[in-house]
Amino acid sequence: MWVHLARLYPAPGQVHPFPEGWEVQDVVPGELTAWLRTTTGAWIAQVQYRIRRGDGSEGVRQHGWLPADAVEPRNDAPARKDRKR
């Protein structure tokens, strides 16, 4: 999946650049683990993804439920194979 971070973290009206901060206006690759429907009928996606730092240092891995409009399929991702436990 592609995760559109700007849809999760909209930019404020007035921006004060901070290059060492977290890059939350990026589109990053993620791994979809599940889809669920909410009580209102909306779809949400369980996705793992990484948020990077603006200065290029190590980012953090996120795992959470995202609204469907914040993710889209990746055509370049390899096909996922079923895993046996």
PDB file of N, CA and C in Angstrom:
ATOM      1  N   MET A   1       0.837  -1.173   0.000  1.00  0.00           N
ATOM      2  CA  MET A   1       0.000   0.000   0.000  1.00  0.00           C
ATOM      3  C   MET A   1       0.883   1.239   0.000  1.00  0.00           C
ATOM      4  N   TRP A   2       0.367   2.299  -0.541  1.00  0.00           N
ATOM      5  CA  TRP A   2       0.973   3.613  -0.371  1.00  0.00           C
ATOM      6  C   TRP A   2       0.189   4.316   0.728  1.00  0.00           C
ATOM      7  N   VAL A   3       0.891   4.946   1.645  1.00  0.00           N
ATOM      8  CA  VAL A   3       0.253   5.685   2.736  1.00  0.00           C
ATOM      9  C   VAL A   3       0.488   7.170   2.487  1.00  0.00           C
ATOM     10  N   HIS A   4      -0.582   7.926   2.378  1.00  0.00           N
ATOM     11  CA  HIS A   4      -0.521   9.369   2.159  1.00  0.00           C
ATOM     12  C   HIS A   4      -0.552  10.057   3.527  1.00  0.00           C
ATOM     13  N   LEU A   5       0.635  10.354   4.049  1.00  0.00           N
ATOM     14  CA  LEU A   5       0.733  10.913   5.396  1.00  0.00           C
ATOM     15  C   LEU A   5       0.056  12.275   5.517  1.00  0.00           C
ATOM     16  N   ALA A   6       0.067  13.062   4.458  1.00  0.00           N
ATOM     17  CA  ALA A   6      -0.556  14.392   4.518  1.00  0.00           C
ATOM     18  C   ALA A   6      -2.064  14.291   4.743  1.00  0.00           C
ATOM     19  N   ARG A   7      -2.660  13.172   4.376  1.00  0.00           N
ATOM     20  CA  ARG A   7      -4.090  12.981   4.633  1.00  0.00           C
ATOM     21  C   ARG A   7      -4.339  12.650   6.101  1.00  0.00           C
ATOM     22  N   LEU A   8      -3.326  12.109   6.764  1.00  0.00           N
ATOM     23  CA  LEU A   8      -3.428  11.822   8.202  1.00  0.00           C
ATOM     24  C   LEU A   8      -3.024  13.024   9.044  1.00  0.00           C
ATOM     25  N   TYR A   9      -2.052  13.771   8.538  1.00  0.00           N
ATOM     26  CA  TYR A   9      -1.495  14.922   9.252  1.00  0.00           C
ATOM     27  C   TYR A   9      -1.523  16.145   8.342  1.00  0.00           C
ATOM     28  N   PRO A  10      -2.685  16.755   8.149  1.00  0.00           N
ATOM     29  CA  PRO A  10      -2.751  17.926   7.267  1.00  0.00           C
ATOM     30  C   PRO A  10      -1.825  19.044   7.754  1.00  0.00           C
ATOM     31  N   ALA A  11      -1.227  19.739   6.810  1.00  0.00           N
ATOM     32  CA  ALA A  11      -0.336  20.856   7.161  1.00  0.00           C
ATOM     33  C   ALA A  11      -1.153  21.982   7.795  1.00  0.00           C
ATOM     34  N   PRO A  12      -0.609  22.605   8.825  1.00  0.00           N
ATOM     35  CA  PRO A  12      -1.319  23.739   9.427  1.00  0.00           C
ATOM     36  C   PRO A  12      -1.358  24.921   8.462  1.00  0.00           C
ATOM     37  N   GLY A  13      -2.236  25.877   8.736  1.00  0.00           N
ATOM     38  CA  GLY A  13      -2.360  27.044   7.874  1.00  0.00           C
ATOM     39  C   GLY A  13      -1.062  27.826   7.753  1.00  0.00           C
ATOM     40  N   GLN A  14      -0.345  27.950   8.848  1.00  0.00           N
ATOM     41  CA  GLN A  14       0.929  28.662   8.841  1.00  0.00           C
ATOM     42  C   GLN A  14       2.030  27.659   9.159  1.00  0.00           C
ATOM     43  N   VAL A  15       3.012  27.561   8.277  1.00  0.00           N
ATOM     44  CA  VAL A  15       4.082  26.582   8.433  1.00  0.00           C
ATOM     45  C   VAL A  15       5.354  27.267   8.904  1.00  0.00           C
ATOM     46  N   HIS A  16       5.995  26.667   9.907  1.00  0.00           N
ATOM     47  CA  HIS A  16       7.296  27.125  10.400  1.00  0.00           C
ATOM     48  C   HIS A  16       8.274  25.978  10.168  1.00  0.00           C
ATOM     49  N   PRO A  17       9.065  26.010   9.085  1.00  0.00           N
ATOM     50  CA  PRO A  17       9.933  24.893   8.742  1.00  0.00           C
ATOM     51  C   PRO A  17      10.838  24.461   9.908  1.00  0.00           C
ATOM     52  N   PHE A  18      10.934  23.146  10.070  1.00  0.00           N
ATOM     53  CA  PHE A  18      11.787  22.532  11.085  1.00  0.00           C
ATOM     54  C   PHE A  18      12.389  21.286  10.442  1.00  0.00           C
ATOM     55  N   PRO A  19      13.530  21.424   9.735  1.00  0.00           N
ATOM     56  CA  PRO A  19      14.095  20.331   8.946  1.00  0.00           C
ATOM     57  C   PRO A  19      14.383  19.054   9.723  1.00  0.00           C
ATOM     58  N   GLU A  20      14.588  19.138  11.028  1.00  0.00           N
ATOM     59  CA  GLU A  20      14.889  17.949  11.817  1.00  0.00           C
ATOM     60  C   GLU A  20      13.621  17.209  12.261  1.00  0.00           C
ATOM     61  N   GLY A  21      12.445  17.747  11.933  1.00  0.00           N
ATOM     62  CA  GLY A  21      11.180  17.155  12.371  1.00  0.00           C
ATOM     63  C   GLY A  21      10.813  15.907  11.577  1.00  0.00           C
ATOM     64  N   TRP A  22       9.630  15.390  11.857  1.00  0.00           N
ATOM     65  CA  TRP A  22       9.114  14.202  11.176  1.00  0.00           C
ATOM     66  C   TRP A  22       8.483  14.609   9.849  1.00  0.00           C
ATOM     67  N   GLU A  23       8.757  13.848   8.801  1.00  0.00           N
ATOM     68  CA  GLU A  23       8.258  14.141   7.456  1.00  0.00           C
ATOM     69  C   GLU A  23       6.857  13.548   7.313  1.00  0.00           C
ATOM     70  N   VAL A  24       5.839  14.325   7.654  1.00  0.00           N
ATOM     71  CA  VAL A  24       4.467  13.814   7.633  1.00  0.00           C
ATOM     72  C   VAL A  24       3.657  14.328   6.441  1.00  0.00           C
ATOM     73  N   GLN A  25       4.334  14.876   5.444  1.00  0.00           N
ATOM     74  CA  GLN A  25       3.660  15.300   4.215  1.00  0.00           C
ATOM     75  C   GLN A  25       4.056  14.390   3.056  1.00  0.00           C
ATOM     76  N   ASP A  26       4.695  13.283   3.355  1.00  0.00           N
ATOM     77  CA  ASP A  26       5.244  12.357   2.369  1.00  0.00           C
ATOM     78  C   ASP A  26       4.226  11.268   2.013  1.00  0.00           C
ATOM     79  N   VAL A  27       4.517  10.545   0.941  1.00  0.00           N
ATOM     80  CA  VAL A  27       3.799   9.315   0.604  1.00  0.00           C
ATOM     81  C   VAL A  27       4.808   8.198   0.792  1.00  0.00           C
ATOM     82  N   VAL A  28       4.483   7.220   1.649  1.00  0.00           N
ATOM     83  CA  VAL A  28       5.440   6.174   2.010  1.00  0.00           C
ATOM     84  C   VAL A  28       4.841   4.791   1.751  1.00  0.00           C
ATOM     85  N   PRO A  29       5.705   3.787   1.499  1.00  0.00           N
ATOM     86  CA  PRO A  29       5.194   2.430   1.323  1.00  0.00           C
ATOM     87  C   PRO A  29       4.757   1.852   2.668  1.00  0.00           C
ATOM     88  N   GLY A  30       3.756   0.997   2.620  1.00  0.00           N
ATOM     89  CA  GLY A  30       3.292   0.321   3.819  1.00  0.00           C
ATOM     90  C   GLY A  30       2.824  -1.079   3.485  1.00  0.00           C
ATOM     91  N   GLU A  31       2.600  -1.869   4.534  1.00  0.00           N
ATOM     92  CA  GLU A  31       2.112  -3.234   4.355  1.00  0.00           C
ATOM     93  C   GLU A  31       0.726  -3.353   4.978  1.00  0.00           C
ATOM     94  N   LEU A  32      -0.229  -3.684   4.146  1.00  0.00           N
ATOM     95  CA  LEU A  32      -1.610  -3.861   4.586  1.00  0.00           C
ATOM     96  C   LEU A  32      -1.739  -5.203   5.295  1.00  0.00           C
ATOM     97  N   THR A  33      -2.345  -5.202   6.488  1.00  0.00           N
ATOM     98  CA  THR A  33      -2.561  -6.460   7.205  1.00  0.00           C
ATOM     99  C   THR A  33      -4.037  -6.812   7.344  1.00  0.00           C
ATOM    100  N   ALA A  34      -4.944  -5.838   7.225  1.00  0.00           N
ATOM    101  CA  ALA A  34      -6.374  -6.137   7.336  1.00  0.00           C
ATOM    102  C   ALA A  34      -7.210  -4.942   6.908  1.00  0.00           C
ATOM    103  N   TRP A  35      -8.459  -5.240   6.536  1.00  0.00           N
ATOM    104  CA  TRP A  35      -9.491  -4.225   6.310  1.00  0.00           C
ATOM    105  C   TRP A  35     -10.628  -4.514   7.278  1.00  0.00           C
ATOM    106  N   LEU A  36     -11.219  -3.467   7.846  1.00  0.00           N
ATOM    107  CA  LEU A  36     -12.403  -3.599   8.694  1.00  0.00           C
ATOM    108  C   LEU A  36     -13.405  -2.517   8.324  1.00  0.00           C
ATOM    109  N   ARG A  37     -14.661  -2.759   8.648  1.00  0.00           N
ATOM    110  CA  ARG A  37     -15.686  -1.726   8.470  1.00  0.00           C
ATOM    111  C   ARG A  37     -16.057  -1.170   9.835  1.00  0.00           C
ATOM    112  N   THR A  38     -16.272   0.128   9.874  1.00  0.00           N
ATOM    113  CA  THR A  38     -16.681   0.785  11.108  1.00  0.00           C
ATOM    114  C   THR A  38     -18.202   0.703  11.256  1.00  0.00           C
ATOM    115  N   THR A  39     -18.706   1.141  12.391  1.00  0.00           N
ATOM    116  CA  THR A  39     -20.150   1.119  12.626  1.00  0.00           C
ATOM    117  C   THR A  39     -20.901   2.054  11.680  1.00  0.00           C
ATOM    118  N   THR A  40     -20.192   3.006  11.084  1.00  0.00           N
ATOM    119  CA  THR A  40     -20.826   3.910  10.116  1.00  0.00           C
ATOM    120  C   THR A  40     -20.732   3.380   8.690  1.00  0.00           C
ATOM    121  N   GLY A  41     -20.092   2.230   8.511  1.00  0.00           N
ATOM    122  CA  GLY A  41     -19.962   1.621   7.195  1.00  0.00           C
ATOM    123  C   GLY A  41     -18.693   1.986   6.458  1.00  0.00           C
ATOM    124  N   ALA A  42     -17.875   2.866   7.030  1.00  0.00           N
ATOM    125  CA  ALA A  42     -16.607   3.262   6.388  1.00  0.00           C
ATOM    126  C   ALA A  42     -15.584   2.137   6.513  1.00  0.00           C
ATOM    127  N   TRP A  43     -14.691   2.060   5.546  1.00  0.00           N
ATOM    128  CA  TRP A  43     -13.604   1.083   5.586  1.00  0.00           C
ATOM    129  C   TRP A  43     -12.373   1.715   6.229  1.00  0.00           C
ATOM    130  N   ILE A  44     -11.661   0.935   7.040  1.00  0.00           N
ATOM    131  CA  ILE A  44     -10.375   1.356   7.593  1.00  0.00           C
ATOM    132  C   ILE A  44      -9.364   0.235   7.348  1.00  0.00           C
ATOM    133  N   ALA A  45      -8.114   0.627   7.123  1.00  0.00           N
ATOM    134  CA  ALA A  45      -7.050  -0.317   6.787  1.00  0.00           C
ATOM    135  C   ALA A  45      -6.041  -0.403   7.927  1.00  0.00           C
ATOM    136  N   GLN A  46      -5.676  -1.625   8.288  1.00  0.00           N
ATOM    137  CA  GLN A  46      -4.595  -1.808   9.261  1.00  0.00           C
ATOM    138  C   GLN A  46      -3.299  -1.901   8.457  1.00  0.00           C
ATOM    139  N   VAL A  47      -2.388  -0.961   8.699  1.00  0.00           N
ATOM    140  CA  VAL A  47      -1.186  -0.834   7.875  1.00  0.00           C
ATOM    141  C   VAL A  47       0.033  -0.604   8.756  1.00  0.00           C
ATOM    142  N   GLN A  48       1.154  -1.203   8.353  1.00  0.00           N
ATOM    143  CA  GLN A  48       2.453  -0.909   8.955  1.00  0.00           C
ATOM    144  C   GLN A  48       3.209  -0.032   7.968  1.00  0.00           C
ATOM    145  N   TYR A  49       3.832   1.033   8.468  1.00  0.00           N
ATOM    146  CA  TYR A  49       4.570   1.950   7.607  1.00  0.00           C
ATOM    147  C   TYR A  49       5.616   2.679   8.449  1.00  0.00           C
ATOM    148  N   ARG A  50       6.508   3.373   7.777  1.00  0.00           N
ATOM    149  CA  ARG A  50       7.588   4.082   8.461  1.00  0.00           C
ATOM    150  C   ARG A  50       7.484   5.577   8.177  1.00  0.00           C
ATOM    151  N   ILE A  51       7.626   6.381   9.230  1.00  0.00           N
ATOM    152  CA  ILE A  51       7.719   7.836   9.088  1.00  0.00           C
ATOM    153  C   ILE A  51       9.184   8.202   9.250  1.00  0.00           C
ATOM    154  N   ARG A  52       9.702   8.961   8.280  1.00  0.00           N
ATOM    155  CA  ARG A  52      11.118   9.349   8.286  1.00  0.00           C
ATOM    156  C   ARG A  52      11.313  10.722   8.917  1.00  0.00           C
ATOM    157  N   ARG A  53      12.540  10.976   9.303  1.00  0.00           N
ATOM    158  CA  ARG A  53      12.917  12.290   9.810  1.00  0.00           C
ATOM    159  C   ARG A  53      13.324  13.170   8.637  1.00  0.00           C
ATOM    160  N   GLY A  54      13.089  14.465   8.738  1.00  0.00           N
ATOM    161  CA  GLY A  54      13.451  15.400   7.687  1.00  0.00           C
ATOM    162  C   GLY A  54      14.940  15.511   7.461  1.00  0.00           C
ATOM    163  N   ASP A  55      15.735  15.222   8.503  1.00  0.00           N
ATOM    164  CA  ASP A  55      17.190  15.321   8.383  1.00  0.00           C
ATOM    165  C   ASP A  55      17.835  14.035   7.883  1.00  0.00           C
ATOM    166  N   GLY A  56      17.026  13.038   7.526  1.00  0.00           N
ATOM    167  CA  GLY A  56      17.552  11.787   6.989  1.00  0.00           C
ATOM    168  C   GLY A  56      17.917  10.756   8.038  1.00  0.00           C
ATOM    169  N   SER A  57      17.764  11.071   9.316  1.00  0.00           N
ATOM    170  CA  SER A  57      18.076  10.093  10.350  1.00  0.00           C
ATOM    171  C   SER A  57      16.978   9.033  10.434  1.00  0.00           C
ATOM    172  N   GLU A  58      17.216   8.026  11.233  1.00  0.00           N
ATOM    173  CA  GLU A  58      16.296   6.901  11.376  1.00  0.00           C
ATOM    174  C   GLU A  58      14.875   7.350  11.702  1.00  0.00           C
ATOM    175  N   GLY A  59      13.918   6.716  11.098  1.00  0.00           N
ATOM    176  CA  GLY A  59      12.513   7.028  11.350  1.00  0.00           C
ATOM    177  C   GLY A  59      11.914   6.079  12.374  1.00  0.00           C
ATOM    178  N   VAL A  60      10.600   6.072  12.434  1.00  0.00           N
ATOM    179  CA  VAL A  60       9.893   5.168  13.346  1.00  0.00           C
ATOM    180  C   VAL A  60       8.879   4.351  12.559  1.00  0.00           C
ATOM    181  N   ARG A  61       8.681   3.121  12.989  1.00  0.00           N
ATOM    182  CA  ARG A  61       7.684   2.263  12.363  1.00  0.00           C
ATOM    183  C   ARG A  61       6.361   2.473  13.077  1.00  0.00           C
ATOM    184  N   GLN A  62       5.324   2.686  12.280  1.00  0.00           N
ATOM    185  CA  GLN A  62       3.971   2.877  12.792  1.00  0.00           C
ATOM    186  C   GLN A  62       3.136   1.655  12.412  1.00  0.00           C
ATOM    187  N   HIS A  63       2.178   1.341  13.235  1.00  0.00           N
ATOM    188  CA  HIS A  63       1.238   0.263  12.955  1.00  0.00           C
ATOM    189  C   HIS A  63      -0.109   0.746  13.450  1.00  0.00           C
ATOM    190  N   GLY A  64      -1.047   0.939  12.558  1.00  0.00           N
ATOM    191  CA  GLY A  64      -2.320   1.456  13.015  1.00  0.00           C
ATOM    192  C   GLY A  64      -3.429   1.320  12.001  1.00  0.00           C
ATOM    193  N   TRP A  65      -4.604   1.785  12.419  1.00  0.00           N
ATOM    194  CA  TRP A  65      -5.800   1.789  11.575  1.00  0.00           C
ATOM    195  C   TRP A  65      -5.920   3.137  10.891  1.00  0.00           C
ATOM    196  N   LEU A  66      -5.998   3.123   9.566  1.00  0.00           N
ATOM    197  CA  LEU A  66      -6.022   4.348   8.773  1.00  0.00           C
ATOM    198  C   LEU A  66      -7.302   4.410   7.951  1.00  0.00           C
ATOM    199  N   PRO A  67      -7.829   5.619   7.734  1.00  0.00           N
ATOM    200  CA  PRO A  67      -8.995   5.737   6.863  1.00  0.00           C
ATOM    201  C   PRO A  67      -8.641   5.310   5.438  1.00  0.00           C
ATOM    202  N   ALA A  68      -9.622   4.756   4.741  1.00  0.00           N
ATOM    203  CA  ALA A  68      -9.383   4.222   3.398  1.00  0.00           C
ATOM    204  C   ALA A  68      -8.833   5.266   2.441  1.00  0.00           C
ATOM    205  N   ASP A  69      -9.189   6.544   2.615  1.00  0.00           N
ATOM    206  CA  ASP A  69      -8.697   7.561   1.684  1.00  0.00           C
ATOM    207  C   ASP A  69      -7.241   7.943   1.935  1.00  0.00           C
ATOM    208  N   ALA A  70      -6.608   7.376   2.965  1.00  0.00           N
ATOM    209  CA  ALA A  70      -5.200   7.652   3.250  1.00  0.00           C
ATOM    210  C   ALA A  70      -4.278   6.597   2.648  1.00  0.00           C
ATOM    211  N   VAL A  71      -4.856   5.551   2.035  1.00  0.00           N
ATOM    212  CA  VAL A  71      -4.035   4.476   1.459  1.00  0.00           C
ATOM    213  C   VAL A  71      -4.485   4.188   0.034  1.00  0.00           C
ATOM    214  N   GLU A  72      -3.571   3.623  -0.750  1.00  0.00           N
ATOM    215  CA  GLU A  72      -3.917   3.162  -2.095  1.00  0.00           C
ATOM    216  C   GLU A  72      -3.003   1.990  -2.446  1.00  0.00           C
ATOM    217  N   PRO A  73      -3.470   1.101  -3.312  1.00  0.00           N
ATOM    218  CA  PRO A  73      -2.670  -0.068  -3.686  1.00  0.00           C
ATOM    219  C   PRO A  73      -1.359   0.326  -4.363  1.00  0.00           C
ATOM    220  N   ARG A  74      -0.356  -0.500  -4.149  1.00  0.00           N
ATOM    221  CA  ARG A  74       0.934  -0.339  -4.840  1.00  0.00           C
ATOM    222  C   ARG A  74       0.992  -1.335  -5.981  1.00  0.00           C
ATOM    223  N   ASN A  75       1.199  -0.843  -7.179  1.00  0.00           N
ATOM    224  CA  ASN A  75       1.340  -1.737  -8.326  1.00  0.00           C
ATOM    225  C   ASN A  75       2.734  -2.326  -8.434  1.00  0.00           C
ATOM    226  N   ASP A  76       3.720  -1.707  -7.763  1.00  0.00           N
ATOM    227  CA  ASP A  76       5.099  -2.171  -7.856  1.00  0.00           C
ATOM    228  C   ASP A  76       5.462  -3.165  -6.771  1.00  0.00           C
ATOM    229  N   ALA A  77       4.557  -3.467  -5.840  1.00  0.00           N
ATOM    230  CA  ALA A  77       4.862  -4.375  -4.737  1.00  0.00           C
ATOM    231  C   ALA A  77       4.797  -5.824  -5.215  1.00  0.00           C
ATOM    232  N   PRO A  78       5.703  -6.673  -4.704  1.00  0.00           N
ATOM    233  CA  PRO A  78       5.644  -8.085  -5.082  1.00  0.00           C
ATOM    234  C   PRO A  78       4.370  -8.724  -4.528  1.00  0.00           C
ATOM    235  N   ALA A  79       3.880  -9.747  -5.213  1.00  0.00           N
ATOM    236  CA  ALA A  79       2.682 -10.449  -4.748  1.00  0.00           C
ATOM    237  C   ALA A  79       2.968 -11.108  -3.409  1.00  0.00           C
ATOM    238  N   ARG A  80       2.012 -10.990  -2.511  1.00  0.00           N
ATOM    239  CA  ARG A  80       2.171 -11.580  -1.176  1.00  0.00           C
ATOM    240  C   ARG A  80       1.763 -13.048  -1.235  1.00  0.00           C
ATOM    241  N   LYS A  81       2.576 -13.895  -0.628  1.00  0.00           N
ATOM    242  CA  LYS A  81       2.274 -15.322  -0.597  1.00  0.00           C
ATOM    243  C   LYS A  81       1.710 -15.669   0.767  1.00  0.00           C
ATOM    244  N   ASP A  82       0.770 -16.613   0.779  1.00  0.00           N
ATOM    245  CA  ASP A  82       0.231 -17.066   2.059  1.00  0.00           C
ATOM    246  C   ASP A  82       1.337 -17.713   2.866  1.00  0.00           C
ATOM    247  N   ARG A  83       1.350 -17.406   4.154  1.00  0.00           N
ATOM    248  CA  ARG A  83       2.371 -17.951   5.049  1.00  0.00           C
ATOM    249  C   ARG A  83       1.742 -19.031   5.914  1.00  0.00           C
ATOM    250  N   LYS A  84       2.399 -20.170   5.991  1.00  0.00           N
ATOM    251  CA  LYS A  84       1.923 -21.243   6.863  1.00  0.00           C
ATOM    252  C   LYS A  84       2.667 -21.169   8.170  1.00  0.00           C
ATOM    253  N   ARG A  85       1.942 -21.393   9.254  1.00  0.00           N
ATOM    254  CA  ARG A  85       2.571 -21.335  10.586  1.00  0.00           C
ATOM    255  C   ARG A  85       2.781 -22.704  11.132  1.00  0.00           C
TER     256      ARG A  85
END
